[in-house]
Amino acid sequence: MASEILRRYAVGGATRPDSFSGLTQELTGSLAGLFQGAPPEIQNVLRISSGYRSPQRQAELWQGALAKYGSEAVARKWVAPPGRSNHNHGQAVDLKYLDPSALAWVRQNASKYGLHFPLSNENWHIEPIGARGGQGVQPGSAVPMMAQAGAPQPVTPGFQMDAAPAAMPGPVSPLAGMFAAQAIDLEQQKRREEEQAAETQRRAALFGGPSPFG
């Protein structure tokens, strides 16, 4: 059975009881084919660190990201809200590479098994090619998963890649936030001035008052 094949390679969050039973048959079969088709030396350094996630588990990850970053906008760059991750729909797993050779092999061969990496900054997140309605690679900055900036680099021997928040960049600096707020205030002031000018012009047309244009 395909799910039993995958359990041999499960570590971390993928050892949860529903990690593979909650995956679609399409993904389970494709992943089993990928692992069975890998050379023995690749099988030895390739693992699955996360499979299906219930909405409750996704909510825990989401709340953890909110606590870390203090902002939904920043948290969305790293973790999808409950129901917005393909892990919740059984259409995604996270791989773990114990050696760079595993990453290189999977990247080269995933498409042969109907799989791809839809997030340009997450080289561990793999899905069926049609899971996103035929969409291609999504830039990390444009999806609610993980930010492209500060994305983890390919592993080196002895380093175990994982999608853990510990690899995330720090929160946006207060100074950057201050500049952003000032820019918003200036834009709002400009809009108010334009609205006032339009109102003056309208009154002039209705009541014969002085034109703002002289």
Protein backbone atom coordinates (compact mmCIF):
# COMPACT_ATOMS: atom_id res chain seq x y z
CA MET A 1 0.00 0.00 0.00
CA ALA A 2 1.37 3.40 -1.01
CA SER A 3 0.80 5.04 2.37
CA GLU A 4 2.75 2.28 4.12
CA ILE A 5 5.68 2.88 1.79
CA LEU A 6 5.67 6.56 2.72
CA ARG A 7 5.52 5.88 6.47
CA ARG A 8 8.98 4.36 6.26
CA TYR A 9 10.35 7.81 5.45
CA ALA A 10 8.28 9.82 7.95
CA VAL A 11 9.94 12.06 10.51
CA GLY A 12 8.73 14.90 12.74
CA GLY A 13 5.21 16.03 11.98
CA ALA A 14 4.76 13.31 9.37
CA THR A 15 4.66 10.69 12.12
CA ARG A 16 1.20 11.93 13.16
CA PRO A 17 -1.46 9.20 12.63
CA ASP A 18 -3.34 11.11 9.92
CA SER A 19 -0.31 12.40 8.02
CA PHE A 20 -0.75 9.96 5.12
CA SER A 21 -4.32 8.72 5.55
CA GLY A 22 -5.45 12.31 4.94
CA LEU A 23 -3.59 12.66 1.63
CA THR A 24 -5.33 12.22 -1.72
CA GLN A 25 -4.77 8.94 -3.52
CA GLU A 26 -3.17 10.84 -6.38
CA LEU A 27 -0.52 12.39 -4.17
CA THR A 28 0.06 9.21 -2.16
CA GLY A 29 0.63 7.17 -5.31
CA SER A 30 2.87 9.77 -6.93
CA LEU A 31 5.02 10.13 -3.82
CA ALA A 32 5.35 6.38 -3.40
CA GLY A 33 6.50 6.17 -7.01
CA LEU A 34 9.01 8.95 -6.42
CA PHE A 35 10.54 7.25 -3.39
CA GLN A 36 10.58 3.81 -4.99
CA GLY A 37 12.15 5.24 -8.13
CA ALA A 38 14.94 6.96 -6.23
CA PRO A 39 18.33 5.24 -6.06
CA PRO A 40 19.12 3.63 -2.68
CA GLU A 41 21.62 6.36 -1.82
CA ILE A 42 18.88 8.98 -2.32
CA GLN A 43 16.29 7.00 -0.37
CA ASN A 44 18.71 6.99 2.55
CA VAL A 45 18.82 10.81 2.72
CA LEU A 46 15.24 11.71 1.73
CA ARG A 47 12.44 12.02 4.30
CA ILE A 48 8.92 13.41 4.69
CA SER A 49 8.57 15.91 7.53
CA SER A 50 4.92 16.95 7.13
CA GLY A 51 1.92 15.51 5.33
CA TYR A 52 -1.78 16.11 5.81
CA ARG A 53 -2.62 18.73 8.43
CA SER A 54 -6.02 19.14 9.99
CA PRO A 55 -7.48 22.67 10.19
CA GLN A 56 -6.85 22.50 13.93
CA ARG A 57 -3.15 21.78 13.40
CA GLN A 58 -2.93 24.53 10.79
CA ALA A 59 -4.55 26.91 13.29
CA GLU A 60 -1.83 26.07 15.82
CA LEU A 61 0.89 26.88 13.28
CA TRP A 62 -0.92 30.09 12.29
CA GLN A 63 -1.24 31.27 15.88
CA GLY A 64 2.44 30.53 16.42
CA ALA A 65 3.37 32.67 13.42
CA LEU A 66 1.14 35.51 14.65
CA ALA A 67 2.77 35.38 18.06
CA LYS A 68 6.23 35.46 16.50
CA TYR A 69 5.65 38.30 14.03
CA GLY A 70 2.75 40.25 15.56
CA SER A 71 1.27 40.94 12.13
CA GLU A 72 -1.00 38.93 9.83
CA ALA A 73 0.71 40.42 6.79
CA VAL A 74 4.11 39.12 7.87
CA ALA A 75 2.78 35.83 9.24
CA ARG A 76 1.08 35.07 5.91
CA LYS A 77 4.47 35.11 4.23
CA TRP A 78 5.43 32.07 6.26
CA VAL A 79 2.30 30.19 7.25
CA ALA A 80 -1.08 29.90 5.57
CA PRO A 81 -4.19 30.54 7.68
CA PRO A 82 -6.35 27.50 8.47
CA GLY A 83 -8.04 26.16 5.34
CA ARG A 84 -5.73 28.05 2.99
CA SER A 85 -2.91 25.49 2.89
CA ASN A 86 -2.95 22.54 0.50
CA HIS A 87 -1.75 20.47 3.45
CA ASN A 88 -5.30 20.87 4.81
CA HIS A 89 -6.71 19.39 1.60
CA GLY A 90 -4.33 16.44 1.41
CA GLN A 91 -2.60 17.93 -1.61
CA ALA A 92 0.87 18.72 -0.24
CA VAL A 93 3.75 17.31 1.77
CA ASP A 94 7.02 18.76 3.00
CA LEU A 95 10.18 16.85 2.22
CA LYS A 96 13.32 16.83 4.33
CA TYR A 97 16.75 16.55 2.76
CA LEU A 98 19.57 15.03 4.78
CA ASP A 99 22.02 15.72 1.98
CA PRO A 100 22.07 18.14 -0.99
CA SER A 101 22.05 15.17 -3.37
CA ALA A 102 18.47 14.38 -2.30
CA LEU A 103 17.30 17.89 -3.16
CA ALA A 104 19.05 17.78 -6.53
CA TRP A 105 17.58 14.39 -7.44
CA VAL A 106 14.02 15.27 -6.45
CA ARG A 107 14.18 18.58 -8.33
CA GLN A 108 15.32 16.76 -11.45
CA ASN A 109 12.83 13.89 -11.28
CA ALA A 110 9.66 15.17 -9.55
CA SER A 111 7.86 15.99 -12.81
CA LYS A 112 8.25 12.37 -13.98
CA TYR A 113 5.86 11.42 -11.18
CA GLY A 114 3.40 14.27 -11.72
CA LEU A 115 4.82 16.38 -8.90
CA HIS A 116 6.27 19.88 -8.68
CA PHE A 117 7.34 22.62 -6.29
CA PRO A 118 4.71 25.40 -6.61
CA LEU A 119 6.37 27.83 -4.18
CA SER A 120 9.58 29.30 -5.52
CA ASN A 121 11.03 29.84 -2.06
CA GLU A 122 10.03 26.49 -0.52
CA ASN A 123 12.14 23.76 -2.07
CA TRP A 124 10.68 21.23 0.37
CA HIS A 125 6.96 21.82 -0.36
CA ILE A 126 5.79 19.41 -3.09
CA GLU A 127 2.33 18.96 -4.64
CA PRO A 128 0.63 17.26 -7.60
CA ILE A 129 1.09 19.38 -10.71
CA GLY A 130 -2.64 20.08 -11.05
CA ALA A 131 -3.32 20.83 -7.37
CA ARG A 132 -3.51 24.60 -7.97
CA GLY A 133 -5.68 24.49 -11.04
CA GLY A 134 -2.77 24.33 -13.46
CA GLN A 135 -0.98 27.35 -12.03
CA GLY A 136 2.77 27.43 -12.39
CA VAL A 137 5.42 28.35 -9.89
CA GLN A 138 4.20 30.95 -7.44
CA PRO A 139 6.64 33.55 -6.09
CA GLY A 140 6.84 33.35 -2.33
CA SER A 141 6.07 37.05 -1.92
CA ALA A 142 2.73 36.68 -3.72
CA VAL A 143 1.29 33.71 -1.84
CA PRO A 144 0.20 33.27 1.77
CA MET A 145 2.85 30.70 2.49
CA MET A 146 6.44 31.86 2.94
CA ALA A 147 8.39 34.91 1.97
CA GLN A 148 10.96 34.74 -0.78
CA ALA A 149 13.20 37.09 1.16
CA GLY A 150 15.40 35.19 3.58
CA ALA A 151 14.34 31.79 2.24
CA PRO A 152 16.50 28.93 3.52
CA GLN A 153 19.30 27.85 1.22
CA PRO A 154 19.89 24.25 0.03
CA VAL A 155 21.21 22.04 2.78
CA THR A 156 24.81 21.12 3.36
CA PRO A 157 25.85 17.71 4.70
CA GLY A 158 24.73 17.27 8.29
CA PHE A 159 22.17 20.08 8.07
CA GLN A 160 18.58 18.94 8.13
CA MET A 161 16.31 21.23 6.18
CA ASP A 162 12.88 21.77 7.62
CA ALA A 163 10.09 24.26 7.27
CA ALA A 164 10.50 25.33 10.88
CA PRO A 165 9.89 28.99 11.80
CA ALA A 166 13.40 29.11 13.27
CA ALA A 167 14.73 29.65 9.76
CA MET A 168 12.50 32.66 9.23
CA PRO A 169 13.83 36.20 8.98
CA GLY A 170 13.12 38.65 11.79
CA PRO A 171 10.07 40.92 11.78
CA VAL A 172 9.91 44.16 9.84
CA SER A 173 11.78 46.96 11.65
CA PRO A 174 9.80 49.71 13.43
CA LEU A 175 11.57 52.34 11.29
CA ALA A 176 10.31 50.75 8.10
CA GLY A 177 6.81 50.68 9.55
CA MET A 178 7.05 54.38 10.46
CA PHE A 179 8.00 55.33 6.90
CA ALA A 180 5.16 53.25 5.53
CA ALA A 181 2.69 54.98 7.87
CA GLN A 182 3.97 58.42 6.81
CA ALA A 183 3.51 57.51 3.16
CA ILE A 184 -0.08 56.45 3.85
CA ASP A 185 -0.79 59.72 5.71
CA LEU A 186 0.55 61.79 2.79
CA GLU A 187 -1.57 59.85 0.33
CA GLN A 188 -4.68 60.34 2.46
CA GLN A 189 -3.98 64.09 2.77
CA LYS A 190 -3.59 64.36 -1.00
CA ARG A 191 -6.93 62.63 -1.52
CA ARG A 192 -8.66 64.98 0.93
CA GLU A 193 -7.28 68.02 -0.89
CA GLU A 194 -8.45 66.64 -4.23
CA GLU A 195 -11.92 65.97 -2.81
CA GLN A 196 -12.12 69.51 -1.39
CA ALA A 197 -11.13 71.01 -4.73
CA ALA A 198 -13.75 68.92 -6.51
CA GLU A 199 -16.41 70.01 -4.02
CA THR A 200 -15.49 73.70 -4.49
CA GLN A 201 -15.76 73.31 -8.24
CA ARG A 202 -19.13 71.61 -7.92
CA ARG A 203 -20.50 74.38 -5.71
CA ALA A 204 -19.24 77.01 -8.14
CA ALA A 205 -21.09 75.33 -10.98
CA LEU A 206 -24.30 75.04 -8.96
CA PHE A 207 -24.40 78.44 -7.23
CA GLY A 208 -22.28 80.68 -9.43
CA GLY A 209 -19.51 81.05 -6.86
CA PRO A 210 -15.89 81.78 -7.73
CA SER A 211 -14.11 79.11 -9.75
CA PRO A 212 -11.10 77.50 -8.08
CA PHE A 213 -9.29 77.76 -11.40
CA GLY A 214 -9.52 81.58 -11.57
